[in-house]
Structures are given as C-alpha cells and as structure tokens.
Amino acid sequence: MRLTNVLVPVLSVLAGLQGAKAGLIAYGLCQTGCNSVAVACYAAAGFTFGTVIAAPATPAVILGCNAALGTCSAMCATVALLAPTP
C-alpha cells in the first residue's frame, strides 16, 4: 500500500476539523520544513547548509536554494503567524 493512499484521507479529515488552531506551533513546524528542504537542496548541490558565505562567487544553485528558503519562510510568516493561537 502506498503511503499517499493513507495520508490523503487522513490529512483531508484533519484539514476539515473546525477546532484546529495552531498559531506559533504551526509557524515553528513550517519553518522546520523550510529549513529541511534547504538542507536537502544544499546537499544535492554538494554543499553543507550554513557554511557557504554569500559572495559574488557563490554558485547559482546555492543562490537558488537561498531564494527558495526565503520564499518558504515568508509564506510561513504570512500564513502561520496569522493563524489564531488557542
């Protein structure tokens, strides 16, 4: 059985719950997800996240990873921080 066959119905039910409120918890989880993807992006490019200094000689793929991380983090702040906290 594929994992998506199980996760999609479960996530659909959880998304429909009216009492689900997260706020800061959702923000923290979202930022963790963004950083995990950035680490994977760096690793795929052969670098270690947090060790590359932003300079004119920085590889384009690393600049792309940084741009994606910035976009993801901004979305977390926009969506998750505006969610009500119980």
N, C-alpha and C. Protein backbone atom coordinates (compact mmCIF):
# COMPACT_ATOMS: atom_id res chain seq x y z
N MET A 1 0.85 -1.17 0.00
CA MET A 1 0.00 0.00 0.00
C MET A 1 0.90 1.24 0.00
N ARG A 2 0.56 2.17 -0.83
CA ARG A 2 1.34 3.40 -0.91
C ARG A 2 0.98 4.33 0.24
N LEU A 3 1.97 5.05 0.71
CA LEU A 3 1.77 5.96 1.83
C LEU A 3 0.77 7.05 1.49
N THR A 4 0.77 7.50 0.25
CA THR A 4 -0.15 8.58 -0.13
C THR A 4 -1.61 8.11 -0.07
N ASN A 5 -1.85 6.82 -0.28
CA ASN A 5 -3.22 6.30 -0.19
C ASN A 5 -3.77 6.40 1.22
N VAL A 6 -2.88 6.40 2.19
CA VAL A 6 -3.29 6.51 3.59
C VAL A 6 -3.30 7.97 4.03
N LEU A 7 -2.28 8.72 3.63
CA LEU A 7 -2.14 10.09 4.11
C LEU A 7 -3.20 11.05 3.57
N VAL A 8 -3.58 10.90 2.34
CA VAL A 8 -4.53 11.85 1.75
C VAL A 8 -5.86 11.86 2.49
N PRO A 9 -6.49 10.72 2.76
CA PRO A 9 -7.74 10.78 3.51
C PRO A 9 -7.57 11.30 4.94
N VAL A 10 -6.47 10.93 5.58
CA VAL A 10 -6.24 11.38 6.96
C VAL A 10 -6.04 12.89 6.99
N LEU A 11 -5.23 13.40 6.08
CA LEU A 11 -4.99 14.84 6.04
C LEU A 11 -6.25 15.61 5.65
N SER A 12 -7.06 15.02 4.80
CA SER A 12 -8.32 15.67 4.42
C SER A 12 -9.25 15.82 5.62
N VAL A 13 -9.32 14.79 6.44
CA VAL A 13 -10.16 14.85 7.63
C VAL A 13 -9.61 15.88 8.62
N LEU A 14 -8.30 15.85 8.81
CA LEU A 14 -7.69 16.79 9.75
C LEU A 14 -7.85 18.23 9.29
N ALA A 15 -7.78 18.46 7.98
CA ALA A 15 -7.92 19.82 7.45
C ALA A 15 -9.34 20.33 7.64
N GLY A 16 -10.29 19.44 7.70
CA GLY A 16 -11.68 19.84 7.85
C GLY A 16 -12.14 20.07 9.28
N LEU A 17 -11.31 19.76 10.23
CA LEU A 17 -11.69 19.97 11.63
C LEU A 17 -11.82 21.45 11.93
N GLN A 18 -12.91 21.83 12.53
CA GLN A 18 -13.17 23.24 12.80
C GLN A 18 -12.39 23.77 13.99
N GLY A 19 -12.04 22.92 14.93
CA GLY A 19 -11.40 23.38 16.14
C GLY A 19 -9.87 23.43 16.07
N ALA A 20 -9.30 23.13 14.91
CA ALA A 20 -7.85 23.10 14.79
C ALA A 20 -7.29 24.52 14.70
N LYS A 21 -6.48 24.88 15.70
CA LYS A 21 -5.83 26.19 15.73
C LYS A 21 -4.40 25.96 16.16
N ALA A 22 -3.46 26.65 15.53
CA ALA A 22 -2.08 26.37 15.88
C ALA A 22 -1.27 27.62 16.18
N GLY A 23 -1.27 28.60 15.30
CA GLY A 23 -0.51 29.81 15.52
C GLY A 23 0.98 29.58 15.54
N LEU A 24 1.62 29.81 16.69
CA LEU A 24 3.07 29.72 16.79
C LEU A 24 3.59 28.30 16.57
N ILE A 25 2.81 27.32 16.95
CA ILE A 25 3.24 25.93 16.72
C ILE A 25 3.30 25.65 15.23
N ALA A 26 2.29 26.10 14.49
CA ALA A 26 2.29 25.92 13.04
C ALA A 26 3.46 26.65 12.40
N TYR A 27 3.77 27.83 12.90
CA TYR A 27 4.88 28.60 12.37
C TYR A 27 6.20 27.86 12.57
N GLY A 28 6.41 27.33 13.75
CA GLY A 28 7.63 26.58 14.03
C GLY A 28 7.76 25.35 13.15
N LEU A 29 6.67 24.63 12.98
CA LEU A 29 6.70 23.44 12.12
C LEU A 29 6.95 23.82 10.67
N CYS A 30 6.35 24.90 10.24
CA CYS A 30 6.54 25.36 8.86
C CYS A 30 7.99 25.76 8.63
N GLN A 31 8.59 26.50 9.57
CA GLN A 31 10.00 26.90 9.43
C GLN A 31 10.92 25.68 9.43
N THR A 32 10.58 24.69 10.24
CA THR A 32 11.38 23.47 10.26
C THR A 32 11.34 22.78 8.90
N GLY A 33 10.17 22.75 8.30
CA GLY A 33 10.03 22.16 6.97
C GLY A 33 10.84 22.93 5.94
N CYS A 34 10.79 24.26 6.00
CA CYS A 34 11.55 25.09 5.06
C CYS A 34 13.05 24.82 5.20
N ASN A 35 13.53 24.76 6.43
CA ASN A 35 14.95 24.54 6.65
C ASN A 35 15.38 23.14 6.24
N SER A 36 14.51 22.16 6.43
CA SER A 36 14.82 20.79 6.00
C SER A 36 14.98 20.72 4.49
N VAL A 37 14.12 21.42 3.78
CA VAL A 37 14.22 21.45 2.32
C VAL A 37 15.48 22.18 1.88
N ALA A 38 15.85 23.25 2.58
CA ALA A 38 17.07 23.99 2.24
C ALA A 38 18.30 23.11 2.46
N VAL A 39 18.32 22.35 3.54
CA VAL A 39 19.44 21.44 3.80
C VAL A 39 19.53 20.40 2.69
N ALA A 40 18.40 19.87 2.27
CA ALA A 40 18.39 18.89 1.18
C ALA A 40 18.86 19.52 -0.13
N CYS A 41 18.47 20.76 -0.38
CA CYS A 41 18.87 21.48 -1.58
C CYS A 41 20.38 21.67 -1.60
N TYR A 42 20.94 22.10 -0.49
CA TYR A 42 22.39 22.27 -0.38
C TYR A 42 23.10 20.93 -0.58
N ALA A 43 22.60 19.88 0.06
CA ALA A 43 23.23 18.57 -0.04
C ALA A 43 23.20 18.06 -1.48
N ALA A 44 22.10 18.30 -2.17
CA ALA A 44 22.00 17.88 -3.57
C ALA A 44 23.02 18.61 -4.44
N ALA A 45 23.37 19.83 -4.03
CA ALA A 45 24.36 20.61 -4.77
C ALA A 45 25.79 20.31 -4.32
N GLY A 46 25.94 19.49 -3.27
CA GLY A 46 27.26 19.11 -2.79
C GLY A 46 27.84 20.06 -1.76
N PHE A 47 26.99 20.83 -1.10
CA PHE A 47 27.44 21.78 -0.09
C PHE A 47 26.79 21.45 1.25
N THR A 48 27.28 22.08 2.31
CA THR A 48 26.71 21.91 3.64
C THR A 48 25.99 23.21 4.01
N PHE A 49 24.74 23.09 4.41
CA PHE A 49 23.93 24.25 4.76
C PHE A 49 24.57 24.99 5.93
N GLY A 50 24.70 26.31 5.81
CA GLY A 50 25.24 27.13 6.88
C GLY A 50 26.73 27.40 6.77
N THR A 51 27.38 26.82 5.76
CA THR A 51 28.83 27.01 5.64
C THR A 51 29.23 27.84 4.43
N VAL A 52 28.28 28.19 3.57
CA VAL A 52 28.59 28.95 2.36
C VAL A 52 28.38 30.44 2.65
N ILE A 53 29.40 31.23 2.38
CA ILE A 53 29.31 32.68 2.59
C ILE A 53 28.77 33.32 1.32
N ALA A 54 27.80 34.21 1.48
CA ALA A 54 27.23 34.90 0.33
C ALA A 54 28.27 35.86 -0.24
N ALA A 55 28.69 35.58 -1.45
CA ALA A 55 29.70 36.39 -2.12
C ALA A 55 29.40 36.36 -3.62
N PRO A 56 30.02 37.23 -4.38
CA PRO A 56 29.79 37.20 -5.84
C PRO A 56 30.14 35.86 -6.48
N ALA A 57 31.03 35.09 -5.88
CA ALA A 57 31.43 33.81 -6.45
C ALA A 57 30.56 32.64 -5.98
N THR A 58 29.51 32.92 -5.24
CA THR A 58 28.63 31.85 -4.76
C THR A 58 27.94 31.18 -5.95
N PRO A 59 27.94 29.84 -5.99
CA PRO A 59 27.30 29.14 -7.12
C PRO A 59 25.81 29.49 -7.24
N ALA A 60 25.34 29.51 -8.46
CA ALA A 60 23.95 29.87 -8.73
C ALA A 60 22.96 28.93 -8.05
N VAL A 61 23.31 27.66 -7.95
CA VAL A 61 22.39 26.71 -7.32
C VAL A 61 22.19 27.04 -5.84
N ILE A 62 23.24 27.52 -5.18
CA ILE A 62 23.13 27.90 -3.78
C ILE A 62 22.26 29.15 -3.64
N LEU A 63 22.43 30.08 -4.56
CA LEU A 63 21.57 31.28 -4.55
C LEU A 63 20.10 30.89 -4.76
N GLY A 64 19.87 29.88 -5.59
CA GLY A 64 18.51 29.38 -5.79
C GLY A 64 17.94 28.74 -4.53
N CYS A 65 18.79 27.98 -3.83
CA CYS A 65 18.37 27.37 -2.56
C CYS A 65 18.01 28.46 -1.55
N ASN A 66 18.84 29.50 -1.49
CA ASN A 66 18.58 30.60 -0.56
C ASN A 66 17.30 31.34 -0.91
N ALA A 67 17.06 31.56 -2.20
CA ALA A 67 15.85 32.24 -2.62
C ALA A 67 14.61 31.42 -2.27
N ALA A 68 14.70 30.11 -2.48
CA ALA A 68 13.57 29.23 -2.14
C ALA A 68 13.32 29.23 -0.64
N LEU A 69 14.39 29.22 0.15
CA LEU A 69 14.24 29.26 1.61
C LEU A 69 13.59 30.57 2.04
N GLY A 70 13.98 31.67 1.44
CA GLY A 70 13.39 32.96 1.78
C GLY A 70 11.91 33.02 1.44
N THR A 71 11.55 32.48 0.28
CA THR A 71 10.14 32.45 -0.13
C THR A 71 9.32 31.58 0.81
N CYS A 72 9.86 30.42 1.14
CA CYS A 72 9.16 29.50 2.04
C CYS A 72 8.98 30.13 3.42
N SER A 73 10.03 30.75 3.94
CA SER A 73 9.96 31.38 5.26
C SER A 73 8.96 32.53 5.27
N ALA A 74 8.92 33.28 4.19
CA ALA A 74 7.95 34.38 4.09
C ALA A 74 6.53 33.85 4.09
N MET A 75 6.30 32.74 3.41
CA MET A 75 4.97 32.14 3.39
C MET A 75 4.59 31.64 4.78
N CYS A 76 5.55 31.08 5.50
CA CYS A 76 5.27 30.64 6.87
C CYS A 76 4.83 31.82 7.72
N ALA A 77 5.55 32.92 7.61
CA ALA A 77 5.21 34.10 8.40
C ALA A 77 3.86 34.66 8.01
N THR A 78 3.56 34.64 6.74
CA THR A 78 2.29 35.19 6.26
C THR A 78 1.11 34.33 6.68
N VAL A 79 1.25 33.03 6.55
CA VAL A 79 0.12 32.13 6.80
C VAL A 79 0.04 31.69 8.26
N ALA A 80 1.12 31.15 8.77
CA ALA A 80 1.08 30.52 10.10
C ALA A 80 1.01 31.53 11.24
N LEU A 81 1.68 32.65 11.12
CA LEU A 81 1.64 33.62 12.23
C LEU A 81 0.30 34.31 12.35
N LEU A 82 -0.46 34.31 11.26
CA LEU A 82 -1.78 34.93 11.31
C LEU A 82 -2.86 33.97 11.81
N ALA A 83 -2.48 32.70 11.95
CA ALA A 83 -3.45 31.71 12.45
C ALA A 83 -3.69 31.97 13.93
N PRO A 84 -4.91 31.79 14.38
CA PRO A 84 -5.21 32.03 15.79
C PRO A 84 -4.53 31.03 16.72
N THR A 85 -4.09 31.49 17.85
CA THR A 85 -3.47 30.63 18.85
C THR A 85 -4.49 30.35 19.95
N PRO A 86 -4.68 29.08 20.28
CA PRO A 86 -5.69 28.76 21.30
C PRO A 86 -5.33 29.29 22.67
